[in-house]
Amino acid sequence: PDSSAAYATVASVLESWNKLHPDSLQLTVIVTSLPYHHNSWFAA
């Protein structure tokens, strides 16, 4: 759940920052499946 919350925030940061500094920030999302979330591997 922290990942989903953080993604929503940084996606907004991407939009806000690039309005002030056009084409200066790229957001890259990379998935890692934590072993204690048993179905995370399937989702990824």
All heavy atoms as atom14 arrays in JSON, in Angstrom:
{
  "sequence": "PDSSAAYATVASVLESWNKLHPDSLQLTVIVTSLPYHHNSWFAA",
  "atom14_mask": [
    [1, 1, 1, 1, 1, 1, 1, 0, 0, 0, 0, 0, 0, 0],
    [1, 1, 1, 1, 1, 1, 1, 1, 0, 0, 0, 0, 0, 0],
    [1, 1, 1, 1, 1, 1, 0, 0, 0, 0, 0, 0, 0, 0],
    [1, 1, 1, 1, 1, 1, 0, 0, 0, 0, 0, 0, 0, 0],
    [1, 1, 1, 1, 1, 0, 0, 0, 0, 0, 0, 0, 0, 0],
    [1, 1, 1, 1, 1, 0, 0, 0, 0, 0, 0, 0, 0, 0],
    [1, 1, 1, 1, 1, 1, 1, 1, 1, 1, 1, 1, 0, 0],
    [1, 1, 1, 1, 1, 0, 0, 0, 0, 0, 0, 0, 0, 0],
    [1, 1, 1, 1, 1, 1, 1, 0, 0, 0, 0, 0, 0, 0],
    [1, 1, 1, 1, 1, 1, 1, 0, 0, 0, 0, 0, 0, 0],
    [1, 1, 1, 1, 1, 0, 0, 0, 0, 0, 0, 0, 0, 0],
    [1, 1, 1, 1, 1, 1, 0, 0, 0, 0, 0, 0, 0, 0],
    [1, 1, 1, 1, 1, 1, 1, 0, 0, 0, 0, 0, 0, 0],
    [1, 1, 1, 1, 1, 1, 1, 1, 0, 0, 0, 0, 0, 0],
    [1, 1, 1, 1, 1, 1, 1, 1, 1, 0, 0, 0, 0, 0],
    [1, 1, 1, 1, 1, 1, 0, 0, 0, 0, 0, 0, 0, 0],
    [1, 1, 1, 1, 1, 1, 1, 1, 1, 1, 1, 1, 1, 1],
    [1, 1, 1, 1, 1, 1, 1, 1, 0, 0, 0, 0, 0, 0],
    [1, 1, 1, 1, 1, 1, 1, 1, 1, 0, 0, 0, 0, 0],
    [1, 1, 1, 1, 1, 1, 1, 1, 0, 0, 0, 0, 0, 0],
    [1, 1, 1, 1, 1, 1, 1, 1, 1, 1, 0, 0, 0, 0],
    [1, 1, 1, 1, 1, 1, 1, 0, 0, 0, 0, 0, 0, 0],
    [1, 1, 1, 1, 1, 1, 1, 1, 0, 0, 0, 0, 0, 0],
    [1, 1, 1, 1, 1, 1, 0, 0, 0, 0, 0, 0, 0, 0],
    [1, 1, 1, 1, 1, 1, 1, 1, 0, 0, 0, 0, 0, 0],
    [1, 1, 1, 1, 1, 1, 1, 1, 1, 0, 0, 0, 0, 0],
    [1, 1, 1, 1, 1, 1, 1, 1, 0, 0, 0, 0, 0, 0],
    [1, 1, 1, 1, 1, 1, 1, 0, 0, 0, 0, 0, 0, 0],
    [1, 1, 1, 1, 1, 1, 1, 0, 0, 0, 0, 0, 0, 0],
    [1, 1, 1, 1, 1, 1, 1, 1, 0, 0, 0, 0, 0, 0],
    [1, 1, 1, 1, 1, 1, 1, 0, 0, 0, 0, 0, 0, 0],
    [1, 1, 1, 1, 1, 1, 1, 0, 0, 0, 0, 0, 0, 0],
    [1, 1, 1, 1, 1, 1, 0, 0, 0, 0, 0, 0, 0, 0],
    [1, 1, 1, 1, 1, 1, 1, 1, 0, 0, 0, 0, 0, 0],
    [1, 1, 1, 1, 1, 1, 1, 0, 0, 0, 0, 0, 0, 0],
    [1, 1, 1, 1, 1, 1, 1, 1, 1, 1, 1, 1, 0, 0],
    [1, 1, 1, 1, 1, 1, 1, 1, 1, 1, 0, 0, 0, 0],
    [1, 1, 1, 1, 1, 1, 1, 1, 1, 1, 0, 0, 0, 0],
    [1, 1, 1, 1, 1, 1, 1, 1, 0, 0, 0, 0, 0, 0],
    [1, 1, 1, 1, 1, 1, 0, 0, 0, 0, 0, 0, 0, 0],
    [1, 1, 1, 1, 1, 1, 1, 1, 1, 1, 1, 1, 1, 1],
    [1, 1, 1, 1, 1, 1, 1, 1, 1, 1, 1, 0, 0, 0],
    [1, 1, 1, 1, 1, 0, 0, 0, 0, 0, 0, 0, 0, 0],
    [1, 1, 1, 1, 1, 0, 0, 0, 0, 0, 0, 0, 0, 0]
  ],
  "atom14_positions": [
    [[0.81, -1.23, 0.0], [0.0, 0.0, 0.0], [0.84, 1.26, 0.0], [0.43, 2.29, -0.56], [-0.83, -0.13, 1.29], [-0.13, -1.15, 2.12], [0.54, -2.08, 1.17], [0.0, 0.0, 0.0], [0.0, 0.0, 0.0], [0.0, 0.0, 0.0], [0.0, 0.0, 0.0], [0.0, 0.0, 0.0], [0.0, 0.0, 0.0], [0.0, 0.0, 0.0]],
    [[2.03, 1.22, 0.62], [2.91, 2.38, 0.58], [3.39, 2.67, -0.83], [3.6, 3.83, -1.2], [4.11, 2.17, 1.51], [3.74, 2.19, 2.98], [2.67, 2.75, 3.3], [4.5, 1.64, 3.79], [0.0, 0.0, 0.0], [0.0, 0.0, 0.0], [0.0, 0.0, 0.0], [0.0, 0.0, 0.0], [0.0, 0.0, 0.0], [0.0, 0.0, 0.0]],
    [[3.57, 1.62, -1.62], [4.0, 1.81, -3.02], [2.94, 2.55, -3.82], [3.25, 3.46, -4.59], [4.28, 0.45, -3.67], [5.45, -0.14, -3.16], [0.0, 0.0, 0.0], [0.0, 0.0, 0.0], [0.0, 0.0, 0.0], [0.0, 0.0, 0.0], [0.0, 0.0, 0.0], [0.0, 0.0, 0.0], [0.0, 0.0, 0.0], [0.0, 0.0, 0.0]],
    [[1.7, 2.14, -3.66], [0.63, 2.79, -4.42], [0.48, 4.25, -4.01], [0.27, 5.13, -4.85], [-0.69, 2.04, -4.25], [-1.09, 1.98, -2.9], [0.0, 0.0, 0.0], [0.0, 0.0, 0.0], [0.0, 0.0, 0.0], [0.0, 0.0, 0.0], [0.0, 0.0, 0.0], [0.0, 0.0, 0.0], [0.0, 0.0, 0.0], [0.0, 0.0, 0.0]],
    [[0.61, 4.53, -2.71], [0.5, 5.91, -2.24], [1.66, 6.75, -2.77], [1.47, 7.89, -3.23], [0.49, 5.94, -0.71], [0.0, 0.0, 0.0], [0.0, 0.0, 0.0], [0.0, 0.0, 0.0], [0.0, 0.0, 0.0], [0.0, 0.0, 0.0], [0.0, 0.0, 0.0], [0.0, 0.0, 0.0], [0.0, 0.0, 0.0], [0.0, 0.0, 0.0]],
    [[2.86, 6.18, -2.73], [4.05, 6.92, -3.18], [4.0, 7.18, -4.68], [4.39, 8.26, -5.15], [5.3, 6.16, -2.82], [0.0, 0.0, 0.0], [0.0, 0.0, 0.0], [0.0, 0.0, 0.0], [0.0, 0.0, 0.0], [0.0, 0.0, 0.0], [0.0, 0.0, 0.0], [0.0, 0.0, 0.0], [0.0, 0.0, 0.0], [0.0, 0.0, 0.0]],
    [[3.52, 6.2, -5.43], [3.45, 6.39, -6.89], [2.52, 7.54, -7.24], [2.84, 8.37, -8.11], [2.99, 5.11, -7.58], [2.69, 5.35, -9.04], [3.72, 5.47, -9.97], [1.37, 5.5, -9.49], [3.45, 5.73, -11.31], [1.1, 5.77, -10.82], [2.14, 5.87, -11.72], [1.86, 6.15, -13.03], [0.0, 0.0, 0.0], [0.0, 0.0, 0.0]],
    [[1.38, 7.6, -6.59], [0.43, 8.68, -6.86], [1.08, 10.04, -6.6], [0.88, 11.0, -7.36], [-0.82, 8.51, -6.0], [0.0, 0.0, 0.0], [0.0, 0.0, 0.0], [0.0, 0.0, 0.0], [0.0, 0.0, 0.0], [0.0, 0.0, 0.0], [0.0, 0.0, 0.0], [0.0, 0.0, 0.0], [0.0, 0.0, 0.0], [0.0, 0.0, 0.0]],
    [[1.89, 10.11, -5.55], [2.55, 11.36, -5.21], [3.61, 11.74, -6.24], [3.63, 12.86, -6.74], [3.2, 11.27, -3.82], [2.19, 10.99, -2.84], [3.91, 12.57, -3.46], [0.0, 0.0, 0.0], [0.0, 0.0, 0.0], [0.0, 0.0, 0.0], [0.0, 0.0, 0.0], [0.0, 0.0, 0.0], [0.0, 0.0, 0.0], [0.0, 0.0, 0.0]],
    [[4.5, 10.79, -6.57], [5.59, 11.14, -7.49], [5.08, 11.38, -8.91], [5.69, 12.14, -9.67], [6.72, 10.09, -7.48], [7.41, 10.06, -6.12], [6.23, 8.72, -7.87], [0.0, 0.0, 0.0], [0.0, 0.0, 0.0], [0.0, 0.0, 0.0], [0.0, 0.0, 0.0], [0.0, 0.0, 0.0], [0.0, 0.0, 0.0], [0.0, 0.0, 0.0]],
    [[3.95, 10.77, -9.26], [3.35, 11.08, -10.56], [2.9, 12.54, -10.61], [3.05, 13.22, -11.63], [2.18, 10.14, -10.84], [0.0, 0.0, 0.0], [0.0, 0.0, 0.0], [0.0, 0.0, 0.0], [0.0, 0.0, 0.0], [0.0, 0.0, 0.0], [0.0, 0.0, 0.0], [0.0, 0.0, 0.0], [0.0, 0.0, 0.0], [0.0, 0.0, 0.0]],
    [[2.38, 13.02, -9.49], [2.01, 14.44, -9.4], [3.23, 15.34, -9.39], [3.23, 16.43, -9.98], [1.17, 14.68, -8.13], [-0.06, 14.0, -8.2], [0.0, 0.0, 0.0], [0.0, 0.0, 0.0], [0.0, 0.0, 0.0], [0.0, 0.0, 0.0], [0.0, 0.0, 0.0], [0.0, 0.0, 0.0], [0.0, 0.0, 0.0], [0.0, 0.0, 0.0]],
    [[4.3, 14.87, -8.73], [5.56, 15.62, -8.73], [6.09, 15.75, -10.15], [6.55, 16.83, -10.56], [6.6, 14.92, -7.84], [7.98, 15.55, -8.01], [6.17, 14.97, -6.38], [0.0, 0.0, 0.0], [0.0, 0.0, 0.0], [0.0, 0.0, 0.0], [0.0, 0.0, 0.0], [0.0, 0.0, 0.0], [0.0, 0.0, 0.0], [0.0, 0.0, 0.0]],
    [[6.04, 14.68, -10.9], [6.49, 14.7, -12.29], [5.78, 15.79, -13.08], [6.41, 16.57, -13.81], [6.25, 13.33, -12.94], [6.59, 13.19, -14.42], [8.1, 13.2, -14.63], [5.98, 11.91, -15.0], [0.0, 0.0, 0.0], [0.0, 0.0, 0.0], [0.0, 0.0, 0.0], [0.0, 0.0, 0.0], [0.0, 0.0, 0.0], [0.0, 0.0, 0.0]],
    [[4.47, 15.84, -12.95], [3.68, 16.83, -13.67], [4.01, 18.25, -13.21], [4.23, 19.15, -14.02], [2.19, 16.55, -13.48], [1.28, 17.5, -14.23], [-0.19, 17.17, -14.06], [-0.51, 16.18, -13.36], [-1.03, 17.91, -14.61], [0.0, 0.0, 0.0], [0.0, 0.0, 0.0], [0.0, 0.0, 0.0], [0.0, 0.0, 0.0], [0.0, 0.0, 0.0]],
    [[4.07, 18.45, -11.89], [4.32, 19.79, -11.35], [5.71, 20.29, -11.69], [5.9, 21.45, -12.07], [4.13, 19.77, -9.82], [2.81, 19.43, -9.48], [0.0, 0.0, 0.0], [0.0, 0.0, 0.0], [0.0, 0.0, 0.0], [0.0, 0.0, 0.0], [0.0, 0.0, 0.0], [0.0, 0.0, 0.0], [0.0, 0.0, 0.0], [0.0, 0.0, 0.0]],
    [[6.71, 19.4, -11.55], [8.09, 19.81, -11.81], [8.3, 20.17, -13.29], [8.95, 21.15, -13.62], [9.04, 18.71, -11.39], [10.49, 19.08, -11.54], [11.31, 18.8, -12.59], [11.27, 19.84, -10.62], [12.56, 19.32, -12.4], [12.57, 19.97, -11.19], [11.03, 20.42, -9.38], [13.6, 20.65, -10.54], [12.06, 21.09, -8.73], [13.32, 21.2, -9.32]],
    [[7.74, 19.34, -14.17], [7.94, 19.59, -15.6], [7.17, 20.8, -16.11], [7.49, 21.33, -17.17], [7.6, 18.33, -16.4], [8.73, 17.31, -16.36], [9.89, 17.65, -16.18], [8.38, 16.04, -16.54], [0.0, 0.0, 0.0], [0.0, 0.0, 0.0], [0.0, 0.0, 0.0], [0.0, 0.0, 0.0], [0.0, 0.0, 0.0], [0.0, 0.0, 0.0]],
    [[6.16, 21.24, -15.37], [5.51, 22.5, -15.72], [6.46, 23.67, -15.48], [6.47, 24.65, -16.23], [4.23, 22.68, -14.91], [3.04, 21.87, -15.43], [1.79, 22.15, -14.61], [0.6, 21.35, -15.15], [-0.63, 21.6, -14.33], [0.0, 0.0, 0.0], [0.0, 0.0, 0.0], [0.0, 0.0, 0.0], [0.0, 0.0, 0.0], [0.0, 0.0, 0.0]],
    [[7.24, 23.56, -14.39], [8.2, 24.62, -14.06], [9.49, 24.49, -14.86], [10.1, 25.5, -15.23], [8.52, 24.57, -12.56], [7.37, 24.85, -11.6], [7.81, 24.59, -10.17], [6.88, 26.29, -11.76], [0.0, 0.0, 0.0], [0.0, 0.0, 0.0], [0.0, 0.0, 0.0], [0.0, 0.0, 0.0], [0.0, 0.0, 0.0], [0.0, 0.0, 0.0]],
    [[9.9, 23.26, -15.1], [11.14, 22.97, -15.81], [10.84, 21.94, -16.9], [11.05, 20.74, -16.7], [12.2, 22.43, -14.85], [12.39, 23.26, -13.61], [13.11, 24.42, -13.59], [11.91, 23.08, -12.35], [13.1, 24.93, -12.38], [12.38, 24.14, -11.59], [0.0, 0.0, 0.0], [0.0, 0.0, 0.0], [0.0, 0.0, 0.0], [0.0, 0.0, 0.0]],
    [[10.34, 22.39, -18.03], [9.87, 21.45, -19.07], [10.91, 20.39, -19.45], [12.09, 20.68, -19.65], [9.56, 22.38, -20.25], [9.25, 23.69, -19.61], [10.16, 23.79, -18.43], [0.0, 0.0, 0.0], [0.0, 0.0, 0.0], [0.0, 0.0, 0.0], [0.0, 0.0, 0.0], [0.0, 0.0, 0.0], [0.0, 0.0, 0.0], [0.0, 0.0, 0.0]],
    [[10.42, 19.15, -19.52], [11.22, 18.01, -20.0], [12.51, 17.82, -19.21], [13.53, 17.39, -19.75], [11.55, 18.16, -21.49], [10.31, 18.15, -22.36], [9.33, 17.48, -21.97], [10.32, 18.8, -23.42], [0.0, 0.0, 0.0], [0.0, 0.0, 0.0], [0.0, 0.0, 0.0], [0.0, 0.0, 0.0], [0.0, 0.0, 0.0], [0.0, 0.0, 0.0]],
    [[12.48, 18.13, -17.92], [13.7, 18.0, -17.13], [13.66, 16.82, -16.15], [14.68, 16.5, -15.53], [13.97, 19.28, -16.34], [12.93, 19.53, -15.41], [0.0, 0.0, 0.0], [0.0, 0.0, 0.0], [0.0, 0.0, 0.0], [0.0, 0.0, 0.0], [0.0, 0.0, 0.0], [0.0, 0.0, 0.0], [0.0, 0.0, 0.0], [0.0, 0.0, 0.0]],
    [[12.5, 16.18, -16.01], [12.37, 15.07, -15.06], [11.66, 13.9, -15.72], [10.61, 14.06, -16.33], [11.59, 15.51, -13.82], [11.31, 14.43, -12.76], [12.62, 13.92, -12.14], [10.39, 14.99, -11.67], [0.0, 0.0, 0.0], [0.0, 0.0, 0.0], [0.0, 0.0, 0.0], [0.0, 0.0, 0.0], [0.0, 0.0, 0.0], [0.0, 0.0, 0.0]],
    [[12.26, 12.72, -15.61], [11.63, 11.49, -16.05], [11.4, 10.6, -14.84], [12.25, 10.53, -13.94], [12.5, 10.75, -17.07], [11.84, 9.47, -17.62], [12.73, 8.75, -18.61], [13.94, 8.65, -18.42], [12.14, 8.25, -19.69], [0.0, 0.0, 0.0], [0.0, 0.0, 0.0], [0.0, 0.0, 0.0], [0.0, 0.0, 0.0], [0.0, 0.0, 0.0]],
    [[10.26, 9.95, -14.79], [9.92, 9.01, -13.72], [10.01, 7.59, -14.25], [9.4, 7.27, -15.28], [8.52, 9.29, -13.18], [7.97, 8.3, -12.15], [8.81, 8.34, -10.87], [6.51, 8.62, -11.83], [0.0, 0.0, 0.0], [0.0, 0.0, 0.0], [0.0, 0.0, 0.0], [0.0, 0.0, 0.0], [0.0, 0.0, 0.0], [0.0, 0.0, 0.0]],
    [[10.77, 6.75, -13.58], [10.91, 5.36, -13.98], [10.46, 4.46, -12.84], [10.97, 4.57, -11.72], [12.37, 5.03, -14.36], [12.77, 5.86, -15.45], [12.5, 3.57, -14.77], [0.0, 0.0, 0.0], [0.0, 0.0, 0.0], [0.0, 0.0, 0.0], [0.0, 0.0, 0.0], [0.0, 0.0, 0.0], [0.0, 0.0, 0.0], [0.0, 0.0, 0.0]],
    [[9.5, 3.59, -13.13], [8.96, 2.66, -12.13], [9.57, 1.28, -12.38], [9.55, 0.78, -13.51], [7.43, 2.59, -12.22], [6.87, 1.71, -11.09], [6.8, 3.98, -12.18], [0.0, 0.0, 0.0], [0.0, 0.0, 0.0], [0.0, 0.0, 0.0], [0.0, 0.0, 0.0], [0.0, 0.0, 0.0], [0.0, 0.0, 0.0], [0.0, 0.0, 0.0]],
    [[10.1, 0.67, -11.33], [10.69, -0.66, -11.41], [10.05, -1.52, -10.32], [9.93, -1.09, -9.18], [12.23, -0.62, -11.23], [12.85, 0.32, -12.27], [12.82, -2.02, -11.36], [14.32, 0.59, -12.05], [0.0, 0.0, 0.0], [0.0, 0.0, 0.0], [0.0, 0.0, 0.0], [0.0, 0.0, 0.0], [0.0, 0.0, 0.0], [0.0, 0.0, 0.0]],
    [[9.66, -2.72, -10.69], [8.95, -3.6, -9.76], [9.91, -4.58, -9.1], [10.77, -5.16, -9.76], [7.85, -4.39, -10.49], [7.13, -5.33, -9.51], [6.86, -3.45, -11.14], [0.0, 0.0, 0.0], [0.0, 0.0, 0.0], [0.0, 0.0, 0.0], [0.0, 0.0, 0.0], [0.0, 0.0, 0.0], [0.0, 0.0, 0.0], [0.0, 0.0, 0.0]],
    [[9.76, -4.74, -7.8], [10.39, -5.85, -7.1], [9.32, -6.49, -6.23], [8.51, -5.79, -5.62], [11.59, -5.4, -6.25], [12.22, -6.56, -5.67], [11.18, -4.45, -5.14], [0.0, 0.0, 0.0], [0.0, 0.0, 0.0], [0.0, 0.0, 0.0], [0.0, 0.0, 0.0], [0.0, 0.0, 0.0], [0.0, 0.0, 0.0], [0.0, 0.0, 0.0]],
    [[9.28, -7.81, -6.23], [8.23, -8.53, -5.51], [8.75, -8.96, -4.14], [9.62, -9.83, -4.04], [7.79, -9.75, -6.31], [7.29, -9.36, -7.57], [0.0, 0.0, 0.0], [0.0, 0.0, 0.0], [0.0, 0.0, 0.0], [0.0, 0.0, 0.0], [0.0, 0.0, 0.0], [0.0, 0.0, 0.0], [0.0, 0.0, 0.0], [0.0, 0.0, 0.0]],
    [[8.21, -8.36, -3.1], [8.64, -8.7, -1.75], [8.11, -10.08, -1.35], [6.93, -10.38, -1.58], [8.13, -7.64, -0.76], [8.63, -6.22, -1.03], [7.98, -5.24, -0.07], [10.15, -6.15, -0.91], [0.0, 0.0, 0.0], [0.0, 0.0, 0.0], [0.0, 0.0, 0.0], [0.0, 0.0, 0.0], [0.0, 0.0, 0.0], [0.0, 0.0, 0.0]],
    [[8.95, -10.94, -0.78], [8.56, -12.33, -0.53], [7.42, -12.5, 0.46], [6.71, -13.51, 0.42], [9.86, -12.98, -0.01], [10.66, -11.84, 0.53], [10.34, -10.67, -0.36], [0.0, 0.0, 0.0], [0.0, 0.0, 0.0], [0.0, 0.0, 0.0], [0.0, 0.0, 0.0], [0.0, 0.0, 0.0], [0.0, 0.0, 0.0], [0.0, 0.0, 0.0]],
    [[7.22, -11.53, 1.34], [6.14, -11.69, 2.33], [4.8, -11.23, 1.79], [3.78, -11.37, 2.46], [6.49, -10.95, 3.63], [7.16, -9.61, 3.46], [6.42, -8.46, 3.25], [8.54, -9.51, 3.52], [7.03, -7.24, 3.1], [9.17, -8.27, 3.38], [8.42, -7.14, 3.17], [9.04, -5.92, 3.02], [0.0, 0.0, 0.0], [0.0, 0.0, 0.0]],
    [[4.76, -10.66, 0.58], [3.5, -10.45, -0.13], [3.38, -11.6, -1.12], [3.88, -11.54, -2.24], [3.51, -9.1, -0.86], [3.59, -7.92, 0.05], [4.09, -6.7, -0.35], [3.23, -7.77, 1.35], [4.03, -5.85, 0.66], [3.51, -6.48, 1.7], [0.0, 0.0, 0.0], [0.0, 0.0, 0.0], [0.0, 0.0, 0.0], [0.0, 0.0, 0.0]],
    [[2.71, -12.66, -0.72], [2.79, -13.93, -1.43], [2.35, -13.88, -2.88], [2.85, -14.63, -3.71], [1.97, -15.0, -0.69], [2.47, -15.28, 0.69], [1.77, -16.02, 1.6], [3.62, -14.9, 1.33], [2.45, -16.1, 2.74], [3.57, -15.42, 2.59], [0.0, 0.0, 0.0], [0.0, 0.0, 0.0], [0.0, 0.0, 0.0], [0.0, 0.0, 0.0]],
    [[1.42, -12.99, -3.21], [0.9, -12.94, -4.57], [1.48, -11.8, -5.4], [1.06, -11.56, -6.53], [-0.63, -12.82, -4.54], [-1.26, -14.03, -3.9], [-0.93, -15.16, -4.22], [-2.17, -13.81, -2.95], [0.0, 0.0, 0.0], [0.0, 0.0, 0.0], [0.0, 0.0, 0.0], [0.0, 0.0, 0.0], [0.0, 0.0, 0.0], [0.0, 0.0, 0.0]],
    [[2.48, -11.13, -4.84], [3.09, -10.01, -5.55], [3.77, -10.46, -6.83], [3.75, -9.76, -7.84], [4.09, -9.31, -4.63], [4.74, -8.26, -5.29], [0.0, 0.0, 0.0], [0.0, 0.0, 0.0], [0.0, 0.0, 0.0], [0.0, 0.0, 0.0], [0.0, 0.0, 0.0], [0.0, 0.0, 0.0], [0.0, 0.0, 0.0], [0.0, 0.0, 0.0]],
    [[4.4, -11.65, -6.79], [5.07, -12.17, -7.99], [4.07, -12.34, -9.12], [4.34, -11.97, -10.27], [5.74, -13.49, -7.65], [6.57, -14.09, -8.74], [6.17, -14.96, -9.72], [7.97, -13.86, -9.0], [7.22, -15.29, -10.54], [8.34, -14.63, -10.12], [8.94, -13.08, -8.37], [9.63, -14.64, -10.63], [10.23, -13.09, -8.87], [10.57, -13.86, -10.0]],
    [[2.89, -12.89, -8.81], [1.86, -13.07, -9.83], [1.41, -11.72, -10.4], [1.22, -11.58, -11.61], [0.66, -13.8, -9.25], [0.87, -15.27, -9.01], [0.09, -15.95, -8.08], [1.83, -15.98, -9.71], [0.27, -17.3, -7.86], [2.02, -17.34, -9.51], [1.24, -18.0, -8.57], [0.0, 0.0, 0.0], [0.0, 0.0, 0.0], [0.0, 0.0, 0.0]],
    [[1.22, -10.74, -9.51], [0.76, -9.42, -9.97], [1.8, -8.77, -10.88], [1.46, -8.18, -11.91], [0.46, -8.53, -8.77], [0.0, 0.0, 0.0], [0.0, 0.0, 0.0], [0.0, 0.0, 0.0], [0.0, 0.0, 0.0], [0.0, 0.0, 0.0], [0.0, 0.0, 0.0], [0.0, 0.0, 0.0], [0.0, 0.0, 0.0], [0.0, 0.0, 0.0]],
    [[3.07, -8.88, -10.49], [4.13, -8.29, -11.3], [4.28, -9.01, -12.64], [4.45, -8.38, -13.69], [5.45, -8.32, -10.53], [0.0, 0.0, 0.0], [0.0, 0.0, 0.0], [0.0, 0.0, 0.0], [0.0, 0.0, 0.0], [0.0, 0.0, 0.0], [0.0, 0.0, 0.0], [0.0, 0.0, 0.0], [0.0, 0.0, 0.0], [0.0, 0.0, 0.0]]
  ]
}
